[in-house]
Amino acid sequence: MPHKYQVIHDLVCKDGERTFNIDHVVVGPTGVFSIETKYWKKPAGPDHRIYYDGRRILVDGHAPDKDPLIEAVAGARSVQAILEIRTGKRFDVKPVVVFLGWYTTRNPKDAPAWVLNEQAVPVFIKNDFRELSQDDALLAIAQLKQYSAECGKEAGNA
């Protein structure tokens, strides 16, 4: 990502007694993005792809056993809730599912989440239409890092 963006890797979160992580959170001038990364082995051959119609993901025409959209949307909601509680501000957090090494079809215009491969992520994020002030971006990064450190310590003491 360009220098105007910051990435938090492996954001540690807590929900009651449950501790979980969000793979990546990107914060910058075009907003806040919660990224769920998937590395699924691709069969041999060139014609394998991830299809997304705005409602569901199909891998080579088949629905996966575990829907990564559910995880991505839940991650984005968690980041949004953390930021709202800690800052008193509502941040619009965009859920993203990234499939490493796969060809992904074009995302529908108003899809609730993005489904991309790793090469498309920077382009989509830089071209998003939302705006986030530098002050709000710095506030979000600081609060997410502090929250993750606190949850990580709690998880280590449990």
N, C-alpha and C. Protein backbone atom coordinates (compact mmCIF):
# COMPACT_ATOMS: atom_id res chain seq x y z
N MET A 1 0.84 -1.18 0.00
CA MET A 1 0.00 0.00 0.00
C MET A 1 0.89 1.24 0.00
N PRO A 2 0.42 2.32 -0.63
CA PRO A 2 1.18 3.58 -0.60
C PRO A 2 1.37 4.08 0.83
N HIS A 3 2.31 4.98 1.01
CA HIS A 3 2.67 5.45 2.35
C HIS A 3 1.54 6.15 3.10
N LYS A 4 0.51 6.57 2.41
CA LYS A 4 -0.62 7.23 3.08
C LYS A 4 -1.51 6.23 3.82
N TYR A 5 -1.26 4.96 3.62
CA TYR A 5 -2.06 3.90 4.24
C TYR A 5 -1.24 3.18 5.29
N GLN A 6 -1.91 2.71 6.32
CA GLN A 6 -1.26 1.87 7.33
C GLN A 6 -2.01 0.55 7.40
N VAL A 7 -1.27 -0.50 7.65
CA VAL A 7 -1.85 -1.83 7.73
C VAL A 7 -1.56 -2.41 9.11
N ILE A 8 -2.60 -2.91 9.74
CA ILE A 8 -2.45 -3.66 10.98
C ILE A 8 -2.65 -5.12 10.61
N HIS A 9 -1.65 -5.93 10.88
CA HIS A 9 -1.73 -7.37 10.59
C HIS A 9 -2.15 -8.10 11.85
N ASP A 10 -3.01 -9.08 11.69
CA ASP A 10 -3.42 -9.95 12.79
C ASP A 10 -3.97 -9.16 13.98
N LEU A 11 -5.04 -8.41 13.74
CA LEU A 11 -5.69 -7.63 14.79
C LEU A 11 -6.37 -8.58 15.77
N VAL A 12 -5.89 -8.61 17.00
CA VAL A 12 -6.45 -9.48 18.03
C VAL A 12 -7.70 -8.82 18.59
N CYS A 13 -8.80 -9.58 18.65
CA CYS A 13 -10.09 -9.07 19.13
C CYS A 13 -10.64 -10.01 20.21
N LYS A 14 -11.53 -9.47 21.01
CA LYS A 14 -12.15 -10.26 22.07
C LYS A 14 -13.66 -10.01 22.04
N ASP A 15 -14.40 -11.09 22.16
CA ASP A 15 -15.86 -11.02 22.22
C ASP A 15 -16.28 -11.92 23.38
N GLY A 16 -16.49 -11.30 24.53
CA GLY A 16 -16.78 -12.10 25.73
C GLY A 16 -15.54 -12.90 26.10
N GLU A 17 -15.68 -14.21 26.16
CA GLU A 17 -14.54 -15.08 26.49
C GLU A 17 -13.77 -15.51 25.24
N ARG A 18 -14.31 -15.23 24.08
CA ARG A 18 -13.72 -15.69 22.82
C ARG A 18 -12.72 -14.66 22.28
N THR A 19 -11.52 -15.13 21.94
CA THR A 19 -10.52 -14.29 21.29
C THR A 19 -10.39 -14.75 19.86
N PHE A 20 -10.34 -13.81 18.93
CA PHE A 20 -10.20 -14.13 17.50
C PHE A 20 -9.34 -13.07 16.86
N ASN A 21 -8.98 -13.28 15.60
CA ASN A 21 -8.19 -12.27 14.92
C ASN A 21 -8.81 -11.90 13.58
N ILE A 22 -8.47 -10.70 13.15
CA ILE A 22 -8.82 -10.24 11.81
C ILE A 22 -7.49 -10.17 11.07
N ASP A 23 -7.41 -10.79 9.91
CA ASP A 23 -6.13 -10.94 9.21
C ASP A 23 -5.42 -9.60 8.99
N HIS A 24 -6.14 -8.62 8.44
CA HIS A 24 -5.52 -7.32 8.16
C HIS A 24 -6.59 -6.23 8.25
N VAL A 25 -6.18 -5.07 8.74
CA VAL A 25 -7.03 -3.88 8.67
C VAL A 25 -6.18 -2.81 8.01
N VAL A 26 -6.72 -2.22 6.95
CA VAL A 26 -6.03 -1.15 6.22
C VAL A 26 -6.78 0.15 6.50
N VAL A 27 -6.03 1.20 6.86
CA VAL A 27 -6.62 2.51 7.14
C VAL A 27 -5.87 3.54 6.33
N GLY A 28 -6.63 4.39 5.66
CA GLY A 28 -6.00 5.45 4.86
C GLY A 28 -7.02 6.45 4.36
N PRO A 29 -6.63 7.28 3.41
CA PRO A 29 -7.50 8.37 2.96
C PRO A 29 -8.83 7.93 2.35
N THR A 30 -8.92 6.67 1.91
CA THR A 30 -10.18 6.21 1.33
C THR A 30 -10.99 5.34 2.29
N GLY A 31 -10.57 5.26 3.55
CA GLY A 31 -11.40 4.57 4.53
C GLY A 31 -10.69 3.49 5.32
N VAL A 32 -11.52 2.64 5.93
CA VAL A 32 -11.06 1.53 6.76
C VAL A 32 -11.55 0.24 6.10
N PHE A 33 -10.65 -0.73 5.98
CA PHE A 33 -10.95 -1.97 5.29
C PHE A 33 -10.53 -3.15 6.16
N SER A 34 -11.44 -4.07 6.37
CA SER A 34 -11.18 -5.29 7.13
C SER A 34 -10.99 -6.41 6.12
N ILE A 35 -9.81 -7.05 6.16
CA ILE A 35 -9.46 -8.02 5.12
C ILE A 35 -9.33 -9.43 5.69
N GLU A 36 -10.10 -10.33 5.12
CA GLU A 36 -10.03 -11.75 5.43
C GLU A 36 -9.28 -12.42 4.27
N THR A 37 -8.17 -13.06 4.57
CA THR A 37 -7.33 -13.65 3.53
C THR A 37 -7.53 -15.16 3.50
N LYS A 38 -7.68 -15.68 2.29
CA LYS A 38 -7.87 -17.12 2.11
C LYS A 38 -6.80 -17.65 1.15
N TYR A 39 -6.16 -18.72 1.57
CA TYR A 39 -5.24 -19.42 0.68
C TYR A 39 -5.79 -20.82 0.49
N TRP A 40 -6.48 -21.01 -0.60
CA TRP A 40 -7.05 -22.30 -0.92
C TRP A 40 -6.28 -22.87 -2.10
N LYS A 41 -5.87 -24.11 -1.96
CA LYS A 41 -5.11 -24.76 -3.02
C LYS A 41 -5.94 -24.79 -4.30
N LYS A 42 -5.29 -24.36 -5.36
CA LYS A 42 -5.96 -24.30 -6.65
C LYS A 42 -5.59 -25.54 -7.45
N PRO A 43 -6.59 -26.20 -8.07
CA PRO A 43 -6.27 -27.37 -8.91
C PRO A 43 -5.36 -26.97 -10.07
N ALA A 44 -4.66 -27.93 -10.62
CA ALA A 44 -3.80 -27.67 -11.77
C ALA A 44 -4.64 -27.21 -12.96
N GLY A 45 -4.07 -26.36 -13.77
CA GLY A 45 -4.77 -25.88 -14.96
C GLY A 45 -5.09 -24.40 -14.86
N PRO A 46 -5.31 -23.76 -15.99
CA PRO A 46 -5.47 -22.31 -16.01
C PRO A 46 -6.89 -21.79 -15.77
N ASP A 47 -7.90 -22.61 -15.87
CA ASP A 47 -9.28 -22.11 -15.89
C ASP A 47 -10.02 -22.27 -14.57
N HIS A 48 -9.39 -21.94 -13.48
CA HIS A 48 -10.03 -22.02 -12.18
C HIS A 48 -10.24 -20.61 -11.66
N ARG A 49 -11.44 -20.36 -11.12
CA ARG A 49 -11.73 -18.99 -10.70
C ARG A 49 -12.71 -18.93 -9.54
N ILE A 50 -12.68 -17.77 -8.89
CA ILE A 50 -13.62 -17.45 -7.82
C ILE A 50 -14.69 -16.55 -8.43
N TYR A 51 -15.93 -16.94 -8.30
CA TYR A 51 -17.05 -16.16 -8.83
C TYR A 51 -17.82 -15.56 -7.66
N TYR A 52 -18.14 -14.27 -7.78
CA TYR A 52 -18.89 -13.56 -6.72
C TYR A 52 -19.98 -12.74 -7.38
N ASP A 53 -21.22 -12.97 -6.97
CA ASP A 53 -22.35 -12.26 -7.57
C ASP A 53 -22.93 -11.17 -6.66
N GLY A 54 -22.23 -10.89 -5.56
CA GLY A 54 -22.73 -9.89 -4.61
C GLY A 54 -23.48 -10.52 -3.45
N ARG A 55 -23.81 -11.80 -3.56
CA ARG A 55 -24.52 -12.50 -2.50
C ARG A 55 -23.75 -13.72 -2.00
N ARG A 56 -23.07 -14.40 -2.92
CA ARG A 56 -22.36 -15.61 -2.52
C ARG A 56 -21.12 -15.81 -3.39
N ILE A 57 -20.23 -16.61 -2.85
CA ILE A 57 -18.98 -16.95 -3.53
C ILE A 57 -19.09 -18.39 -4.03
N LEU A 58 -18.63 -18.58 -5.26
CA LEU A 58 -18.53 -19.93 -5.81
C LEU A 58 -17.08 -20.15 -6.22
N VAL A 59 -16.55 -21.31 -5.88
CA VAL A 59 -15.19 -21.68 -6.24
C VAL A 59 -15.31 -22.76 -7.31
N ASP A 60 -14.91 -22.39 -8.52
CA ASP A 60 -15.09 -23.29 -9.67
C ASP A 60 -16.53 -23.81 -9.75
N GLY A 61 -17.49 -22.94 -9.47
CA GLY A 61 -18.89 -23.29 -9.59
C GLY A 61 -19.52 -23.92 -8.37
N HIS A 62 -18.76 -24.12 -7.31
CA HIS A 62 -19.27 -24.78 -6.10
C HIS A 62 -19.16 -23.87 -4.89
N ALA A 63 -20.18 -23.91 -4.05
CA ALA A 63 -20.15 -23.13 -2.81
C ALA A 63 -19.15 -23.77 -1.85
N PRO A 64 -18.30 -22.97 -1.22
CA PRO A 64 -17.35 -23.54 -0.25
C PRO A 64 -18.09 -24.03 1.00
N ASP A 65 -17.46 -24.98 1.71
CA ASP A 65 -18.06 -25.52 2.93
C ASP A 65 -18.29 -24.42 3.97
N LYS A 66 -17.33 -23.53 4.11
CA LYS A 66 -17.43 -22.43 5.06
C LYS A 66 -17.40 -21.12 4.27
N ASP A 67 -18.43 -20.30 4.41
CA ASP A 67 -18.57 -19.08 3.63
C ASP A 67 -17.66 -17.97 4.16
N PRO A 68 -16.63 -17.58 3.40
CA PRO A 68 -15.73 -16.53 3.86
C PRO A 68 -16.38 -15.16 3.94
N LEU A 69 -17.50 -14.96 3.24
CA LEU A 69 -18.20 -13.67 3.33
C LEU A 69 -18.72 -13.43 4.75
N ILE A 70 -19.20 -14.48 5.40
CA ILE A 70 -19.70 -14.34 6.77
C ILE A 70 -18.58 -13.87 7.67
N GLU A 71 -17.41 -14.47 7.53
CA GLU A 71 -16.26 -14.09 8.35
C GLU A 71 -15.81 -12.66 8.05
N ALA A 72 -15.79 -12.28 6.78
CA ALA A 72 -15.36 -10.93 6.39
C ALA A 72 -16.32 -9.85 6.91
N VAL A 73 -17.59 -10.09 6.77
CA VAL A 73 -18.59 -9.12 7.23
C VAL A 73 -18.56 -9.02 8.76
N ALA A 74 -18.42 -10.15 9.44
CA ALA A 74 -18.32 -10.13 10.91
C ALA A 74 -17.06 -9.38 11.35
N GLY A 75 -15.96 -9.57 10.64
CA GLY A 75 -14.73 -8.85 10.96
C GLY A 75 -14.89 -7.35 10.80
N ALA A 76 -15.53 -6.94 9.71
CA ALA A 76 -15.75 -5.51 9.48
C ALA A 76 -16.65 -4.92 10.57
N ARG A 77 -17.68 -5.66 10.94
CA ARG A 77 -18.57 -5.18 12.02
C ARG A 77 -17.82 -5.07 13.34
N SER A 78 -16.92 -6.01 13.61
CA SER A 78 -16.13 -5.96 14.84
C SER A 78 -15.23 -4.73 14.85
N VAL A 79 -14.55 -4.47 13.74
CA VAL A 79 -13.68 -3.29 13.66
C VAL A 79 -14.51 -2.02 13.83
N GLN A 80 -15.66 -1.97 13.18
CA GLN A 80 -16.53 -0.81 13.29
C GLN A 80 -16.97 -0.60 14.74
N ALA A 81 -17.35 -1.67 15.43
CA ALA A 81 -17.79 -1.56 16.83
C ALA A 81 -16.64 -1.13 17.74
N ILE A 82 -15.46 -1.68 17.53
CA ILE A 82 -14.30 -1.30 18.33
C ILE A 82 -14.03 0.19 18.19
N LEU A 83 -14.03 0.65 16.95
CA LEU A 83 -13.74 2.07 16.72
C LEU A 83 -14.82 2.98 17.29
N GLU A 84 -16.08 2.57 17.16
CA GLU A 84 -17.16 3.40 17.68
C GLU A 84 -17.10 3.49 19.21
N ILE A 85 -16.83 2.38 19.87
CA ILE A 85 -16.73 2.37 21.34
C ILE A 85 -15.55 3.20 21.81
N ARG A 86 -14.41 3.05 21.12
CA ARG A 86 -13.18 3.68 21.59
C ARG A 86 -13.04 5.14 21.16
N THR A 87 -13.74 5.55 20.09
CA THR A 87 -13.58 6.93 19.61
C THR A 87 -14.85 7.76 19.69
N GLY A 88 -15.99 7.09 19.82
CA GLY A 88 -17.26 7.81 19.79
C GLY A 88 -17.68 8.20 18.38
N LYS A 89 -16.91 7.74 17.38
CA LYS A 89 -17.21 8.07 15.97
C LYS A 89 -17.58 6.79 15.23
N ARG A 90 -18.42 6.96 14.23
CA ARG A 90 -18.82 5.82 13.40
C ARG A 90 -17.97 5.79 12.15
N PHE A 91 -17.18 4.74 11.98
CA PHE A 91 -16.36 4.54 10.81
C PHE A 91 -17.03 3.50 9.92
N ASP A 92 -17.10 3.79 8.63
CA ASP A 92 -17.62 2.84 7.66
C ASP A 92 -16.49 1.88 7.32
N VAL A 93 -16.61 0.61 7.69
CA VAL A 93 -15.55 -0.37 7.47
C VAL A 93 -15.99 -1.31 6.36
N LYS A 94 -15.19 -1.38 5.31
CA LYS A 94 -15.52 -2.20 4.14
C LYS A 94 -14.94 -3.61 4.31
N PRO A 95 -15.77 -4.66 4.26
CA PRO A 95 -15.25 -6.03 4.31
C PRO A 95 -14.66 -6.45 2.96
N VAL A 96 -13.53 -7.15 3.05
CA VAL A 96 -12.84 -7.62 1.85
C VAL A 96 -12.42 -9.08 2.08
N VAL A 97 -12.64 -9.93 1.08
CA VAL A 97 -12.11 -11.29 1.10
C VAL A 97 -11.07 -11.35 -0.01
N VAL A 98 -9.86 -11.79 0.34
CA VAL A 98 -8.78 -11.89 -0.63
C VAL A 98 -8.42 -13.36 -0.81
N PHE A 99 -8.47 -13.82 -2.05
CA PHE A 99 -8.07 -15.18 -2.40
C PHE A 99 -6.71 -15.12 -3.05
N LEU A 100 -5.71 -15.63 -2.35
CA LEU A 100 -4.34 -15.58 -2.84
C LEU A 100 -4.15 -16.56 -4.00
N GLY A 101 -3.67 -16.01 -5.13
CA GLY A 101 -3.34 -16.85 -6.27
C GLY A 101 -4.49 -17.23 -7.18
N TRP A 102 -5.68 -16.77 -6.90
CA TRP A 102 -6.84 -17.13 -7.72
C TRP A 102 -7.22 -15.97 -8.64
N TYR A 103 -7.87 -16.32 -9.74
CA TYR A 103 -8.51 -15.31 -10.58
C TYR A 103 -9.90 -15.07 -9.98
N THR A 104 -10.24 -13.82 -9.75
CA THR A 104 -11.57 -13.49 -9.22
C THR A 104 -12.33 -12.69 -10.27
N THR A 105 -13.62 -12.94 -10.36
CA THR A 105 -14.44 -12.21 -11.33
C THR A 105 -14.71 -10.81 -10.83
N ARG A 106 -15.17 -9.96 -11.71
CA ARG A 106 -15.46 -8.56 -11.37
C ARG A 106 -16.54 -8.50 -10.30
N ASN A 107 -16.34 -7.62 -9.31
CA ASN A 107 -17.32 -7.44 -8.23
C ASN A 107 -18.52 -6.66 -8.73
N PRO A 108 -19.73 -7.06 -8.34
CA PRO A 108 -20.90 -6.27 -8.68
C PRO A 108 -20.79 -4.87 -8.10
N LYS A 109 -21.39 -3.90 -8.76
CA LYS A 109 -21.21 -2.49 -8.41
C LYS A 109 -21.50 -2.18 -6.94
N ASP A 110 -22.60 -2.61 -6.41
CA ASP A 110 -22.97 -2.26 -5.04
C ASP A 110 -22.88 -3.45 -4.08
N ALA A 111 -21.92 -4.31 -4.31
CA ALA A 111 -21.76 -5.48 -3.45
C ALA A 111 -21.40 -5.06 -2.03
N PRO A 112 -21.95 -5.75 -1.03
CA PRO A 112 -21.67 -5.38 0.37
C PRO A 112 -20.23 -5.65 0.78
N ALA A 113 -19.54 -6.53 0.07
CA ALA A 113 -18.13 -6.84 0.35
C ALA A 113 -17.41 -6.93 -1.00
N TRP A 114 -16.10 -6.86 -0.94
CA TRP A 114 -15.30 -7.09 -2.14
C TRP A 114 -14.68 -8.47 -2.05
N VAL A 115 -14.60 -9.15 -3.17
CA VAL A 115 -13.91 -10.43 -3.28
C VAL A 115 -12.85 -10.23 -4.36
N LEU A 116 -11.59 -10.33 -3.95
CA LEU A 116 -10.48 -9.95 -4.83
C LEU A 116 -9.33 -10.95 -4.73
N ASN A 117 -8.38 -10.84 -5.66
CA ASN A 117 -7.10 -11.51 -5.46
C ASN A 117 -6.12 -10.46 -4.95
N GLU A 118 -4.94 -10.90 -4.57
CA GLU A 118 -4.00 -10.00 -3.91
C GLU A 118 -3.55 -8.84 -4.79
N GLN A 119 -3.53 -9.04 -6.10
CA GLN A 119 -3.10 -7.96 -6.99
C GLN A 119 -4.13 -6.84 -7.09
N ALA A 120 -5.39 -7.14 -6.90
CA ALA A 120 -6.44 -6.13 -7.05
C ALA A 120 -6.66 -5.28 -5.80
N VAL A 121 -6.19 -5.75 -4.65
CA VAL A 121 -6.48 -5.06 -3.39
C VAL A 121 -6.02 -3.60 -3.39
N PRO A 122 -4.75 -3.29 -3.70
CA PRO A 122 -4.33 -1.89 -3.65
C PRO A 122 -5.13 -0.99 -4.60
N VAL A 123 -5.45 -1.49 -5.78
CA VAL A 123 -6.20 -0.69 -6.76
C VAL A 123 -7.60 -0.38 -6.23
N PHE A 124 -8.29 -1.38 -5.71
CA PHE A 124 -9.64 -1.17 -5.19
C PHE A 124 -9.62 -0.19 -4.02
N ILE A 125 -8.67 -0.37 -3.11
CA ILE A 125 -8.62 0.50 -1.93
C ILE A 125 -8.30 1.93 -2.34
N LYS A 126 -7.33 2.12 -3.20
CA LYS A 126 -6.96 3.49 -3.62
C LYS A 126 -8.08 4.16 -4.39
N ASN A 127 -8.91 3.39 -5.09
CA ASN A 127 -9.96 3.97 -5.92
C ASN A 127 -11.32 4.00 -5.25
N ASP A 128 -11.39 3.64 -3.96
CA ASP A 128 -12.68 3.68 -3.26
C ASP A 128 -13.15 5.13 -3.19
N PHE A 129 -14.43 5.33 -3.18
CA PHE A 129 -15.00 6.68 -3.24
C PHE A 129 -15.11 7.37 -1.89
N ARG A 130 -14.92 6.64 -0.81
CA ARG A 130 -15.08 7.23 0.51
C ARG A 130 -13.89 8.10 0.86
N GLU A 131 -14.05 8.99 1.81
CA GLU A 131 -12.95 9.83 2.27
C GLU A 131 -12.84 9.73 3.77
N LEU A 132 -11.60 9.69 4.25
CA LEU A 132 -11.32 9.64 5.68
C LEU A 132 -10.24 10.69 5.93
N SER A 133 -10.51 11.59 6.86
CA SER A 133 -9.52 12.63 7.15
C SER A 133 -8.27 12.01 7.75
N GLN A 134 -7.16 12.70 7.64
CA GLN A 134 -5.91 12.20 8.20
C GLN A 134 -6.02 12.06 9.71
N ASP A 135 -6.70 13.01 10.37
CA ASP A 135 -6.89 12.93 11.82
C ASP A 135 -7.68 11.68 12.21
N ASP A 136 -8.76 11.40 11.48
CA ASP A 136 -9.56 10.21 11.78
C ASP A 136 -8.78 8.94 11.48
N ALA A 137 -7.98 8.95 10.42
CA ALA A 137 -7.17 7.78 10.09
C ALA A 137 -6.16 7.51 11.20
N LEU A 138 -5.49 8.54 11.68
CA LEU A 138 -4.52 8.38 12.76
C LEU A 138 -5.19 7.91 14.05
N LEU A 139 -6.37 8.46 14.33
CA LEU A 139 -7.14 8.06 15.51
C LEU A 139 -7.52 6.58 15.42
N ALA A 140 -8.02 6.16 14.26
CA ALA A 140 -8.42 4.76 14.08
C ALA A 140 -7.23 3.82 14.25
N ILE A 141 -6.12 4.14 13.63
CA ILE A 141 -4.92 3.29 13.74
C ILE A 141 -4.47 3.18 15.19
N ALA A 142 -4.38 4.32 15.88
CA ALA A 142 -3.92 4.30 17.28
C ALA A 142 -4.84 3.47 18.15
N GLN A 143 -6.15 3.63 17.98
CA GLN A 143 -7.10 2.90 18.81
C GLN A 143 -7.10 1.41 18.51
N LEU A 144 -6.99 1.05 17.24
CA LEU A 144 -6.96 -0.37 16.88
C LEU A 144 -5.70 -1.05 17.39
N LYS A 145 -4.56 -0.38 17.28
CA LYS A 145 -3.31 -0.95 17.79
C LYS A 145 -3.37 -1.13 19.31
N GLN A 146 -3.89 -0.12 20.00
CA GLN A 146 -3.99 -0.20 21.45
C GLN A 146 -4.95 -1.32 21.86
N TYR A 147 -6.09 -1.39 21.20
CA TYR A 147 -7.08 -2.43 21.49
C TYR A 147 -6.47 -3.82 21.28
N SER A 148 -5.78 -4.01 20.16
CA SER A 148 -5.20 -5.31 19.84
C SER A 148 -4.15 -5.69 20.89
N ALA A 149 -3.35 -4.73 21.31
CA ALA A 149 -2.33 -5.00 22.34
C ALA A 149 -2.99 -5.40 23.65
N GLU A 150 -4.05 -4.70 24.03
CA GLU A 150 -4.76 -5.02 25.27
C GLU A 150 -5.38 -6.42 25.20
N CYS A 151 -6.01 -6.75 24.08
CA CYS A 151 -6.63 -8.07 23.94
C CYS A 151 -5.58 -9.17 23.88
N GLY A 152 -4.45 -8.88 23.26
CA GLY A 152 -3.37 -9.85 23.19
C GLY A 152 -2.81 -10.16 24.57
N LYS A 153 -2.67 -9.12 25.40
CA LYS A 153 -2.18 -9.33 26.77
C LYS A 153 -3.18 -10.16 27.57
N GLU A 154 -4.47 -9.83 27.43
CA GLU A 154 -5.52 -10.59 28.14
C GLU A 154 -5.50 -12.05 27.72
N ALA A 155 -5.37 -12.30 26.42
CA ALA A 155 -5.36 -13.66 25.91
C ALA A 155 -4.13 -14.41 26.43
N GLY A 156 -2.99 -13.71 26.56
CA GLY A 156 -1.78 -14.33 27.07
C GLY A 156 -1.86 -14.64 28.55
N ASN A 157 -2.67 -13.89 29.29
CA ASN A 157 -2.82 -14.11 30.73
C ASN A 157 -3.90 -15.14 31.06
N ALA A 158 -4.70 -15.48 30.05
CA ALA A 158 -5.81 -16.41 30.31
C ALA A 158 -5.33 -17.83 30.47
